[in-house]
PDB file of N, CA and C in Angstrom:
ATOM      1  N   MET A   1     -27.468 -18.602 -34.162  1.00  0.00           N
ATOM      2  CA  MET A   1     -28.585 -18.594 -35.087  1.00  0.00           C
ATOM      3  C   MET A   1     -28.068 -19.018 -36.451  1.00  0.00           C
ATOM      4  N   LYS A   2     -28.836 -19.845 -37.098  1.00  0.00           N
ATOM      5  CA  LYS A   2     -28.472 -20.279 -38.443  1.00  0.00           C
ATOM      6  C   LYS A   2     -28.763 -19.155 -39.435  1.00  0.00           C
ATOM      7  N   PRO A   3     -27.919 -19.020 -40.454  1.00  0.00           N
ATOM      8  CA  PRO A   3     -28.142 -17.962 -41.445  1.00  0.00           C
ATOM      9  C   PRO A   3     -29.534 -18.002 -42.081  1.00  0.00           C
ATOM     10  N   ALA A   4     -30.078 -19.189 -42.321  1.00  0.00           N
ATOM     11  CA  ALA A   4     -31.407 -19.289 -42.947  1.00  0.00           C
ATOM     12  C   ALA A   4     -32.491 -18.685 -42.054  1.00  0.00           C
ATOM     13  N   VAL A   5     -32.342 -18.833 -40.745  1.00  0.00           N
ATOM     14  CA  VAL A   5     -33.312 -18.249 -39.810  1.00  0.00           C
ATOM     15  C   VAL A   5     -33.202 -16.726 -39.847  1.00  0.00           C
ATOM     16  N   ALA A   6     -31.975 -16.215 -39.847  1.00  0.00           N
ATOM     17  CA  ALA A   6     -31.766 -14.766 -39.920  1.00  0.00           C
ATOM     18  C   ALA A   6     -32.352 -14.203 -41.213  1.00  0.00           C
ATOM     19  N   VAL A   7     -32.139 -14.888 -42.314  1.00  0.00           N
ATOM     20  CA  VAL A   7     -32.674 -14.435 -43.600  1.00  0.00           C
ATOM     21  C   VAL A   7     -34.200 -14.424 -43.572  1.00  0.00           C
ATOM     22  N   ALA A   8     -34.809 -15.459 -43.013  1.00  0.00           N
ATOM     23  CA  ALA A   8     -36.274 -15.520 -42.934  1.00  0.00           C
ATOM     24  C   ALA A   8     -36.824 -14.379 -42.084  1.00  0.00           C
ATOM     25  N   ARG A   9     -36.169 -14.093 -40.981  1.00  0.00           N
ATOM     26  CA  ARG A   9     -36.642 -13.017 -40.100  1.00  0.00           C
ATOM     27  C   ARG A   9     -36.445 -11.650 -40.737  1.00  0.00           C
ATOM     28  N   LEU A  10     -35.302 -11.453 -41.352  1.00  0.00           N
ATOM     29  CA  LEU A  10     -35.063 -10.173 -42.030  1.00  0.00           C
ATOM     30  C   LEU A  10     -36.006 -10.000 -43.219  1.00  0.00           C
ATOM     31  N   SER A  11     -36.279 -11.078 -43.932  1.00  0.00           N
ATOM     32  CA  SER A  11     -37.213 -11.016 -45.069  1.00  0.00           C
ATOM     33  C   SER A  11     -38.617 -10.643 -44.597  1.00  0.00           C
ATOM     34  N   ALA A  12     -39.027 -11.194 -43.465  1.00  0.00           N
ATOM     35  CA  ALA A  12     -40.354 -10.874 -42.941  1.00  0.00           C
ATOM     36  C   ALA A  12     -40.449  -9.398 -42.571  1.00  0.00           C
ATOM     37  N   LEU A  13     -39.369  -8.827 -42.091  1.00  0.00           N
ATOM     38  CA  LEU A  13     -39.362  -7.418 -41.698  1.00  0.00           C
ATOM     39  C   LEU A  13     -39.132  -6.467 -42.873  1.00  0.00           C
ATOM     40  N   ALA A  14     -38.742  -7.012 -44.007  1.00  0.00           N
ATOM     41  CA  ALA A  14     -38.386  -6.188 -45.168  1.00  0.00           C
ATOM     42  C   ALA A  14     -39.604  -5.805 -45.997  1.00  0.00           C
ATOM     43  N   GLN A  15     -40.662  -5.427 -45.319  1.00  0.00           N
ATOM     44  CA  GLN A  15     -41.892  -4.967 -45.968  1.00  0.00           C
ATOM     45  C   GLN A  15     -42.479  -3.914 -45.041  1.00  0.00           C
ATOM     46  N   GLU A  16     -42.893  -2.799 -45.601  1.00  0.00           N
ATOM     47  CA  GLU A  16     -43.274  -1.635 -44.798  1.00  0.00           C
ATOM     48  C   GLU A  16     -44.369  -1.918 -43.770  1.00  0.00           C
ATOM     49  N   SER A  17     -45.426  -2.587 -44.167  1.00  0.00           N
ATOM     50  CA  SER A  17     -46.522  -2.867 -43.225  1.00  0.00           C
ATOM     51  C   SER A  17     -46.086  -3.824 -42.128  1.00  0.00           C
ATOM     52  N   ARG A  18     -45.338  -4.858 -42.478  1.00  0.00           N
ATOM     53  CA  ARG A  18     -44.887  -5.810 -41.462  1.00  0.00           C
ATOM     54  C   ARG A  18     -43.914  -5.155 -40.492  1.00  0.00           C
ATOM     55  N   LEU A  19     -43.056  -4.295 -40.992  1.00  0.00           N
ATOM     56  CA  LEU A  19     -42.140  -3.573 -40.113  1.00  0.00           C
ATOM     57  C   LEU A  19     -42.933  -2.676 -39.163  1.00  0.00           C
ATOM     58  N   ALA A  20     -43.962  -2.011 -39.675  1.00  0.00           N
ATOM     59  CA  ALA A  20     -44.813  -1.162 -38.828  1.00  0.00           C
ATOM     60  C   ALA A  20     -45.524  -1.992 -37.768  1.00  0.00           C
ATOM     61  N   VAL A  21     -46.019  -3.164 -38.125  1.00  0.00           N
ATOM     62  CA  VAL A  21     -46.665  -4.064 -37.158  1.00  0.00           C
ATOM     63  C   VAL A  21     -45.684  -4.436 -36.062  1.00  0.00           C
ATOM     64  N   PHE A  22     -44.515  -4.862 -36.457  1.00  0.00           N
ATOM     65  CA  PHE A  22     -43.527  -5.309 -35.473  1.00  0.00           C
ATOM     66  C   PHE A  22     -43.135  -4.172 -34.537  1.00  0.00           C
ATOM     67  N   ARG A  23     -42.906  -3.000 -35.081  1.00  0.00           N
ATOM     68  CA  ARG A  23     -42.529  -1.847 -34.256  1.00  0.00           C
ATOM     69  C   ARG A  23     -43.662  -1.469 -33.292  1.00  0.00           C
ATOM     70  N   LEU A  24     -44.894  -1.507 -33.772  1.00  0.00           N
ATOM     71  CA  LEU A  24     -46.047  -1.219 -32.913  1.00  0.00           C
ATOM     72  C   LEU A  24     -46.113  -2.210 -31.755  1.00  0.00           C
ATOM     73  N   LEU A  25     -45.933  -3.475 -32.067  1.00  0.00           N
ATOM     74  CA  LEU A  25     -46.016  -4.500 -31.029  1.00  0.00           C
ATOM     75  C   LEU A  25     -44.844  -4.423 -30.057  1.00  0.00           C
ATOM     76  N   VAL A  26     -43.678  -4.045 -30.526  1.00  0.00           N
ATOM     77  CA  VAL A  26     -42.539  -3.858 -29.624  1.00  0.00           C
ATOM     78  C   VAL A  26     -42.843  -2.717 -28.654  1.00  0.00           C
ATOM     79  N   GLN A  27     -43.448  -1.649 -29.161  1.00  0.00           N
ATOM     80  CA  GLN A  27     -43.834  -0.534 -28.287  1.00  0.00           C
ATOM     81  C   GLN A  27     -44.864  -0.979 -27.260  1.00  0.00           C
ATOM     82  N   ARG A  28     -45.781  -1.804 -27.676  1.00  0.00           N
ATOM     83  CA  ARG A  28     -46.864  -2.264 -26.798  1.00  0.00           C
ATOM     84  C   ARG A  28     -46.348  -3.165 -25.685  1.00  0.00           C
ATOM     85  N   GLY A  29     -45.346  -3.976 -25.986  1.00  0.00           N
ATOM     86  CA  GLY A  29     -44.774  -4.853 -24.975  1.00  0.00           C
ATOM     87  C   GLY A  29     -45.339  -6.256 -25.034  1.00  0.00           C
ATOM     88  N   PRO A  30     -45.031  -7.053 -24.011  1.00  0.00           N
ATOM     89  CA  PRO A  30     -45.363  -8.478 -24.043  1.00  0.00           C
ATOM     90  C   PRO A  30     -46.853  -8.802 -24.024  1.00  0.00           C
ATOM     91  N   GLU A  31     -47.712  -7.871 -23.595  1.00  0.00           N
ATOM     92  CA  GLU A  31     -49.149  -8.166 -23.599  1.00  0.00           C
ATOM     93  C   GLU A  31     -49.728  -8.153 -25.010  1.00  0.00           C
ATOM     94  N   GLY A  32     -49.098  -7.428 -25.927  1.00  0.00           N
ATOM     95  CA  GLY A  32     -49.523  -7.433 -27.321  1.00  0.00           C
ATOM     96  C   GLY A  32     -50.843  -6.728 -27.563  1.00  0.00           C
ATOM     97  N   LEU A  33     -51.386  -6.969 -28.732  1.00  0.00           N
ATOM     98  CA  LEU A  33     -52.644  -6.371 -29.170  1.00  0.00           C
ATOM     99  C   LEU A  33     -53.435  -7.394 -29.968  1.00  0.00           C
ATOM    100  N   PRO A  34     -54.763  -7.267 -29.966  1.00  0.00           N
ATOM    101  CA  PRO A  34     -55.563  -8.142 -30.830  1.00  0.00           C
ATOM    102  C   PRO A  34     -55.379  -7.739 -32.296  1.00  0.00           C
ATOM    103  N   ALA A  35     -55.518  -8.704 -33.172  1.00  0.00           N
ATOM    104  CA  ALA A  35     -55.297  -8.477 -34.603  1.00  0.00           C
ATOM    105  C   ALA A  35     -56.136  -7.322 -35.143  1.00  0.00           C
ATOM    106  N   GLY A  36     -57.393  -7.240 -34.751  1.00  0.00           N
ATOM    107  CA  GLY A  36     -58.264  -6.177 -35.241  1.00  0.00           C
ATOM    108  C   GLY A  36     -57.788  -4.796 -34.836  1.00  0.00           C
ATOM    109  N   GLU A  37     -57.257  -4.682 -33.633  1.00  0.00           N
ATOM    110  CA  GLU A  37     -56.759  -3.389 -33.173  1.00  0.00           C
ATOM    111  C   GLU A  37     -55.476  -3.006 -33.907  1.00  0.00           C
ATOM    112  N   ILE A  38     -54.632  -3.988 -34.187  1.00  0.00           N
ATOM    113  CA  ILE A  38     -53.420  -3.717 -34.970  1.00  0.00           C
ATOM    114  C   ILE A  38     -53.817  -3.169 -36.333  1.00  0.00           C
ATOM    115  N   ALA A  39     -54.769  -3.842 -36.984  1.00  0.00           N
ATOM    116  CA  ALA A  39     -55.233  -3.413 -38.305  1.00  0.00           C
ATOM    117  C   ALA A  39     -55.812  -2.003 -38.254  1.00  0.00           C
ATOM    118  N   ALA A  40     -56.611  -1.719 -37.231  1.00  0.00           N
ATOM    119  CA  ALA A  40     -57.235  -0.395 -37.113  1.00  0.00           C
ATOM    120  C   ALA A  40     -56.188   0.686 -36.882  1.00  0.00           C
ATOM    121  N   ARG A  41     -55.246   0.426 -35.997  1.00  0.00           N
ATOM    122  CA  ARG A  41     -54.216   1.430 -35.699  1.00  0.00           C
ATOM    123  C   ARG A  41     -53.353   1.743 -36.917  1.00  0.00           C
ATOM    124  N   LEU A  42     -53.077   0.726 -37.711  1.00  0.00           N
ATOM    125  CA  LEU A  42     -52.213   0.930 -38.880  1.00  0.00           C
ATOM    126  C   LEU A  42     -52.996   1.199 -40.159  1.00  0.00           C
ATOM    127  N   LYS A  43     -54.329   1.213 -40.037  1.00  0.00           N
ATOM    128  CA  LYS A  43     -55.205   1.472 -41.187  1.00  0.00           C
ATOM    129  C   LYS A  43     -54.925   0.515 -42.349  1.00  0.00           C
ATOM    130  N   VAL A  44     -54.896  -0.770 -41.994  1.00  0.00           N
ATOM    131  CA  VAL A  44     -54.656  -1.841 -42.961  1.00  0.00           C
ATOM    132  C   VAL A  44     -55.890  -2.747 -42.935  1.00  0.00           C
ATOM    133  N   PRO A  45     -56.424  -3.149 -44.101  1.00  0.00           N
ATOM    134  CA  PRO A  45     -57.573  -4.064 -44.113  1.00  0.00           C
ATOM    135  C   PRO A  45     -57.268  -5.343 -43.328  1.00  0.00           C
ATOM    136  N   GLN A  46     -58.286  -5.886 -42.661  1.00  0.00           N
ATOM    137  CA  GLN A  46     -58.067  -7.050 -41.802  1.00  0.00           C
ATOM    138  C   GLN A  46     -57.518  -8.262 -42.555  1.00  0.00           C
ATOM    139  N   ALA A  47     -57.980  -8.482 -43.776  1.00  0.00           N
ATOM    140  CA  ALA A  47     -57.468  -9.629 -44.542  1.00  0.00           C
ATOM    141  C   ALA A  47     -55.981  -9.457 -44.826  1.00  0.00           C
ATOM    142  N   THR A  48     -55.589  -8.250 -45.155  1.00  0.00           N
ATOM    143  CA  THR A  48     -54.169  -7.956 -45.413  1.00  0.00           C
ATOM    144  C   THR A  48     -53.371  -8.114 -44.133  1.00  0.00           C
ATOM    145  N   MET A  49     -53.937  -7.628 -43.027  1.00  0.00           N
ATOM    146  CA  MET A  49     -53.247  -7.736 -41.743  1.00  0.00           C
ATOM    147  C   MET A  49     -53.049  -9.191 -41.359  1.00  0.00           C
ATOM    148  N   SER A  50     -54.030 -10.028 -41.603  1.00  0.00           N
ATOM    149  CA  SER A  50     -53.897 -11.458 -41.306  1.00  0.00           C
ATOM    150  C   SER A  50     -52.703 -12.058 -42.038  1.00  0.00           C
ATOM    151  N   PHE A  51     -52.533 -11.680 -43.292  1.00  0.00           N
ATOM    152  CA  PHE A  51     -51.393 -12.167 -44.084  1.00  0.00           C
ATOM    153  C   PHE A  51     -50.078 -11.721 -43.442  1.00  0.00           C
ATOM    154  N   HIS A  52     -49.990 -10.450 -43.074  1.00  0.00           N
ATOM    155  CA  HIS A  52     -48.751  -9.927 -42.496  1.00  0.00           C
ATOM    156  C   HIS A  52     -48.448 -10.575 -41.146  1.00  0.00           C
ATOM    157  N   LEU A  53     -49.464 -10.758 -40.324  1.00  0.00           N
ATOM    158  CA  LEU A  53     -49.265 -11.407 -39.029  1.00  0.00           C
ATOM    159  C   LEU A  53     -48.811 -12.852 -39.202  1.00  0.00           C
ATOM    160  N   LYS A  54     -49.363 -13.522 -40.199  1.00  0.00           N
ATOM    161  CA  LYS A  54     -48.951 -14.904 -40.477  1.00  0.00           C
ATOM    162  C   LYS A  54     -47.480 -14.948 -40.891  1.00  0.00           C
ATOM    163  N   GLU A  55     -47.053 -14.018 -41.725  1.00  0.00           N
ATOM    164  CA  GLU A  55     -45.660 -13.999 -42.188  1.00  0.00           C
ATOM    165  C   GLU A  55     -44.695 -13.723 -41.030  1.00  0.00           C
ATOM    166  N   LEU A  56     -45.036 -12.778 -40.175  1.00  0.00           N
ATOM    167  CA  LEU A  56     -44.186 -12.479 -39.020  1.00  0.00           C
ATOM    168  C   LEU A  56     -44.159 -13.645 -38.036  1.00  0.00           C
ATOM    169  N   SER A  57     -45.291 -14.299 -37.873  1.00  0.00           N
ATOM    170  CA  SER A  57     -45.351 -15.463 -36.989  1.00  0.00           C
ATOM    171  C   SER A  57     -44.542 -16.624 -37.557  1.00  0.00           C
ATOM    172  N   ARG A  58     -44.682 -16.855 -38.848  1.00  0.00           N
ATOM    173  CA  ARG A  58     -43.949 -17.940 -39.509  1.00  0.00           C
ATOM    174  C   ARG A  58     -42.434 -17.740 -39.379  1.00  0.00           C
ATOM    175  N   ALA A  59     -41.998 -16.476 -39.388  1.00  0.00           N
ATOM    176  CA  ALA A  59     -40.568 -16.172 -39.248  1.00  0.00           C
ATOM    177  C   ALA A  59     -40.105 -16.277 -37.794  1.00  0.00           C
ATOM    178  N   GLY A  60     -41.044 -16.502 -36.880  1.00  0.00           N
ATOM    179  CA  GLY A  60     -40.678 -16.652 -35.476  1.00  0.00           C
ATOM    180  C   GLY A  60     -40.532 -15.340 -34.724  1.00  0.00           C
ATOM    181  N   LEU A  61     -41.061 -14.257 -35.277  1.00  0.00           N
ATOM    182  CA  LEU A  61     -40.920 -12.955 -34.642  1.00  0.00           C
ATOM    183  C   LEU A  61     -42.106 -12.582 -33.744  1.00  0.00           C
ATOM    184  N   LEU A  62     -43.229 -13.265 -33.912  1.00  0.00           N
ATOM    185  CA  LEU A  62     -44.416 -12.986 -33.118  1.00  0.00           C
ATOM    186  C   LEU A  62     -44.899 -14.246 -32.422  1.00  0.00           C
ATOM    187  N   ARG A  63     -45.542 -14.023 -31.285  1.00  0.00           N
ATOM    188  CA  ARG A  63     -46.256 -15.082 -30.573  1.00  0.00           C
ATOM    189  C   ARG A  63     -47.721 -14.691 -30.563  1.00  0.00           C
ATOM    190  N   SER A  64     -48.582 -15.670 -30.580  1.00  0.00           N
ATOM    191  CA  SER A  64     -50.016 -15.371 -30.535  1.00  0.00           C
ATOM    192  C   SER A  64     -50.661 -16.181 -29.420  1.00  0.00           C
ATOM    193  N   ARG A  65     -51.765 -15.623 -28.917  1.00  0.00           N
ATOM    194  CA  ARG A  65     -52.543 -16.335 -27.897  1.00  0.00           C
ATOM    195  C   ARG A  65     -54.010 -15.989 -28.086  1.00  0.00           C
ATOM    196  N   GLN A  66     -54.826 -16.979 -27.868  1.00  0.00           N
ATOM    197  CA  GLN A  66     -56.272 -16.801 -27.951  1.00  0.00           C
ATOM    198  C   GLN A  66     -56.763 -16.297 -26.603  1.00  0.00           C
ATOM    199  N   GLN A  67     -57.554 -15.237 -26.629  1.00  0.00           N
ATOM    200  CA  GLN A  67     -58.174 -14.730 -25.410  1.00  0.00           C
ATOM    201  C   GLN A  67     -59.618 -14.435 -25.753  1.00  0.00           C
ATOM    202  N   GLY A  68     -60.500 -15.314 -25.325  1.00  0.00           N
ATOM    203  CA  GLY A  68     -61.901 -15.201 -25.715  1.00  0.00           C
ATOM    204  C   GLY A  68     -62.013 -15.433 -27.211  1.00  0.00           C
ATOM    205  N   ARG A  69     -62.645 -14.509 -27.890  1.00  0.00           N
ATOM    206  CA  ARG A  69     -62.767 -14.664 -29.349  1.00  0.00           C
ATOM    207  C   ARG A  69     -61.704 -13.897 -30.121  1.00  0.00           C
ATOM    208  N   PHE A  70     -60.734 -13.326 -29.404  1.00  0.00           N
ATOM    209  CA  PHE A  70     -59.684 -12.537 -30.035  1.00  0.00           C
ATOM    210  C   PHE A  70     -58.353 -13.275 -30.013  1.00  0.00           C
ATOM    211  N   ILE A  71     -57.547 -13.012 -31.019  1.00  0.00           N
ATOM    212  CA  ILE A  71     -56.179 -13.508 -31.046  1.00  0.00           C
ATOM    213  C   ILE A  71     -55.268 -12.311 -30.822  1.00  0.00           C
ATOM    214  N   TYR A  72     -54.474 -12.395 -29.772  1.00  0.00           N
ATOM    215  CA  TYR A  72     -53.519 -11.340 -29.439  1.00  0.00           C
ATOM    216  C   TYR A  72     -52.154 -11.720 -30.000  1.00  0.00           C
ATOM    217  N   TYR A  73     -51.460 -10.728 -30.537  1.00  0.00           N
ATOM    218  CA  TYR A  73     -50.113 -10.918 -31.060  1.00  0.00           C
ATOM    219  C   TYR A  73     -49.148 -10.060 -30.269  1.00  0.00           C
ATOM    220  N   ALA A  74     -47.992 -10.619 -29.974  1.00  0.00           N
ATOM    221  CA  ALA A  74     -46.941  -9.913 -29.248  1.00  0.00           C
ATOM    222  C   ALA A  74     -45.599 -10.309 -29.847  1.00  0.00           C
ATOM    223  N   PRO A  75     -44.620  -9.435 -29.740  1.00  0.00           N
ATOM    224  CA  PRO A  75     -43.304  -9.786 -30.270  1.00  0.00           C
ATOM    225  C   PRO A  75     -42.649 -10.882 -29.440  1.00  0.00           C
ATOM    226  N   ASP A  76     -41.872 -11.691 -30.094  1.00  0.00           N
ATOM    227  CA  ASP A  76     -41.041 -12.667 -29.397  1.00  0.00           C
ATOM    228  C   ASP A  76     -39.711 -11.952 -29.148  1.00  0.00           C
ATOM    229  N   PHE A  77     -39.574 -11.381 -27.956  1.00  0.00           N
ATOM    230  CA  PHE A  77     -38.397 -10.568 -27.654  1.00  0.00           C
ATOM    231  C   PHE A  77     -37.105 -11.378 -27.701  1.00  0.00           C
ATOM    232  N   LYS A  78     -37.179 -12.641 -27.334  1.00  0.00           N
ATOM    233  CA  LYS A  78     -35.985 -13.486 -27.393  1.00  0.00           C
ATOM    234  C   LYS A  78     -35.535 -13.650 -28.848  1.00  0.00           C
ATOM    235  N   ALA A  79     -36.478 -13.849 -29.756  1.00  0.00           N
ATOM    236  CA  ALA A  79     -36.143 -13.972 -31.183  1.00  0.00           C
ATOM    237  C   ALA A  79     -35.575 -12.663 -31.710  1.00  0.00           C
ATOM    238  N   MET A  80     -36.167 -11.538 -31.295  1.00  0.00           N
ATOM    239  CA  MET A  80     -35.689 -10.233 -31.731  1.00  0.00           C
ATOM    240  C   MET A  80     -34.255  -9.999 -31.249  1.00  0.00           C
ATOM    241  N   GLN A  81     -34.011 -10.291 -29.978  1.00  0.00           N
ATOM    242  CA  GLN A  81     -32.667 -10.113 -29.438  1.00  0.00           C
ATOM    243  C   GLN A  81     -31.669 -11.061 -30.103  1.00  0.00           C
ATOM    244  N   GLY A  82     -32.128 -12.254 -30.421  1.00  0.00           N
ATOM    245  CA  GLY A  82     -31.266 -13.202 -31.125  1.00  0.00           C
ATOM    246  C   GLY A  82     -30.864 -12.700 -32.496  1.00  0.00           C
ATOM    247  N   LEU A  83     -31.803 -12.076 -33.204  1.00  0.00           N
ATOM    248  CA  LEU A  83     -31.499 -11.535 -34.524  1.00  0.00           C
ATOM    249  C   LEU A  83     -30.520 -10.376 -34.422  1.00  0.00           C
ATOM    250  N   VAL A  84     -30.754  -9.475 -33.495  1.00  0.00           N
ATOM    251  CA  VAL A  84     -29.837  -8.342 -33.302  1.00  0.00           C
ATOM    252  C   VAL A  84     -28.459  -8.861 -32.900  1.00  0.00           C
ATOM    253  N   GLY A  85     -28.429  -9.840 -32.018  1.00  0.00           N
ATOM    254  CA  GLY A  85     -27.164 -10.440 -31.613  1.00  0.00           C
ATOM    255  C   GLY A  85     -26.433 -11.084 -32.773  1.00  0.00           C
ATOM    256  N   TYR A  86     -27.180 -11.781 -33.623  1.00  0.00           N
ATOM    257  CA  TYR A  86     -26.573 -12.411 -34.802  1.00  0.00           C
ATOM    258  C   TYR A  86     -25.955 -11.358 -35.720  1.00  0.00           C
ATOM    259  N   LEU A  87     -26.659 -10.243 -35.898  1.00  0.00           N
ATOM    260  CA  LEU A  87     -26.164  -9.190 -36.785  1.00  0.00           C
ATOM    261  C   LEU A  87     -24.928  -8.492 -36.229  1.00  0.00           C
ATOM    262  N   THR A  88     -24.782  -8.480 -34.922  1.00  0.00           N
ATOM    263  CA  THR A  88     -23.680  -7.735 -34.314  1.00  0.00           C
ATOM    264  C   THR A  88     -22.624  -8.615 -33.647  1.00  0.00           C
ATOM    265  N   GLU A  89     -22.752  -9.928 -33.733  1.00  0.00           N
ATOM    266  CA  GLU A  89     -21.854 -10.792 -32.974  1.00  0.00           C
ATOM    267  C   GLU A  89     -20.387 -10.649 -33.348  1.00  0.00           C
ATOM    268  N   ASN A  90     -20.084 -10.255 -34.534  1.00  0.00           N
ATOM    269  CA  ASN A  90     -18.681 -10.112 -34.940  1.00  0.00           C
ATOM    270  C   ASN A  90     -18.296  -8.651 -35.136  1.00  0.00           C
ATOM    271  N   CYS A  91     -19.004  -7.772 -34.462  1.00  0.00           N
ATOM    272  CA  CYS A  91     -18.755  -6.341 -34.605  1.00  0.00           C
ATOM    273  C   CYS A  91     -17.291  -6.019 -34.299  1.00  0.00           C
ATOM    274  N   CYS A  92     -16.652  -5.408 -35.225  1.00  0.00           N
ATOM    275  CA  CYS A  92     -15.258  -4.944 -35.070  1.00  0.00           C
ATOM    276  C   CYS A  92     -14.311  -6.082 -34.700  1.00  0.00           C
ATOM    277  N   ALA A  93     -14.590  -7.288 -35.158  1.00  0.00           N
ATOM    278  CA  ALA A  93     -13.770  -8.445 -34.805  1.00  0.00           C
ATOM    279  C   ALA A  93     -12.344  -8.337 -35.349  1.00  0.00           C
ATOM    280  N   GLU A  94     -12.183  -7.574 -36.414  1.00  0.00           N
ATOM    281  CA  GLU A  94     -10.861  -7.477 -37.024  1.00  0.00           C
ATOM    282  C   GLU A  94     -10.152  -6.169 -36.706  1.00  0.00           C
ATOM    283  N   SER A  95     -10.804  -5.288 -35.958  1.00  0.00           N
ATOM    284  CA  SER A  95     -10.162  -4.039 -35.570  1.00  0.00           C
ATOM    285  C   SER A  95     -10.864  -3.484 -34.344  1.00  0.00           C
ATOM    286  N   ALA A  96     -10.241  -2.496 -33.725  1.00  0.00           N
ATOM    287  CA  ALA A  96     -10.841  -1.875 -32.548  1.00  0.00           C
ATOM    288  C   ALA A  96     -12.069  -1.067 -32.968  1.00  0.00           C
ATOM    289  N   CYS A  97     -13.138  -1.171 -32.186  1.00  0.00           N
ATOM    290  CA  CYS A  97     -14.362  -0.405 -32.484  1.00  0.00           C
ATOM    291  C   CYS A  97     -14.157   1.058 -32.128  1.00  0.00           C
ATOM    292  N   ALA A  98     -14.753   1.897 -32.915  1.00  0.00           N
ATOM    293  CA  ALA A  98     -14.792   3.312 -32.586  1.00  0.00           C
ATOM    294  C   ALA A  98     -15.730   3.485 -31.397  1.00  0.00           C
ATOM    295  N   PRO A  99     -15.545   4.502 -30.590  1.00  0.00           N
ATOM    296  CA  PRO A  99     -16.429   4.710 -29.430  1.00  0.00           C
ATOM    297  C   PRO A  99     -17.905   4.753 -29.853  1.00  0.00           C
ATOM    298  N   GLY A 100     -18.720   4.015 -29.120  1.00  0.00           N
ATOM    299  CA  GLY A 100     -20.152   4.010 -29.385  1.00  0.00           C
ATOM    300  C   GLY A 100     -20.615   3.070 -30.474  1.00  0.00           C
ATOM    301  N   VAL A 101     -19.720   2.416 -31.192  1.00  0.00           N
ATOM    302  CA  VAL A 101     -20.113   1.536 -32.299  1.00  0.00           C
ATOM    303  C   VAL A 101     -20.757   0.264 -31.781  1.00  0.00           C
ATOM    304  N   CYS A 102     -20.197  -0.364 -30.809  1.00  0.00           N
ATOM    305  CA  CYS A 102     -20.705  -1.659 -30.329  1.00  0.00           C
ATOM    306  C   CYS A 102     -21.529  -1.547 -29.058  1.00  0.00           C
ATOM    307  N   SER A 103     -21.802  -0.365 -28.603  1.00  0.00           N
ATOM    308  CA  SER A 103     -22.572  -0.251 -27.354  1.00  0.00           C
ATOM    309  C   SER A 103     -24.026  -0.003 -27.615  1.00  0.00           C
TER     310      SER A 103
END
């Protein structure tokens, strides 16, 4: 992963509402939730939620799909795993890891 991509993804998550959205969608799994339900569950106005969903999508952390008149959002698990992998790829590279550090 390029550093600029990691920075964009971390920046998108570095806001309380967007982090809550992402965590909710990770809990929900690959089927995701419609935008209106995300807004209702997190008690965020729909216009504000649209902005947050756009930012997470732009960073490559969410996928969206149209189903009828609703847009469903779900986490891009491959992107999430890539970010975690990028953050930990050099874990303890210069010394032995303590038990449980890299697992």
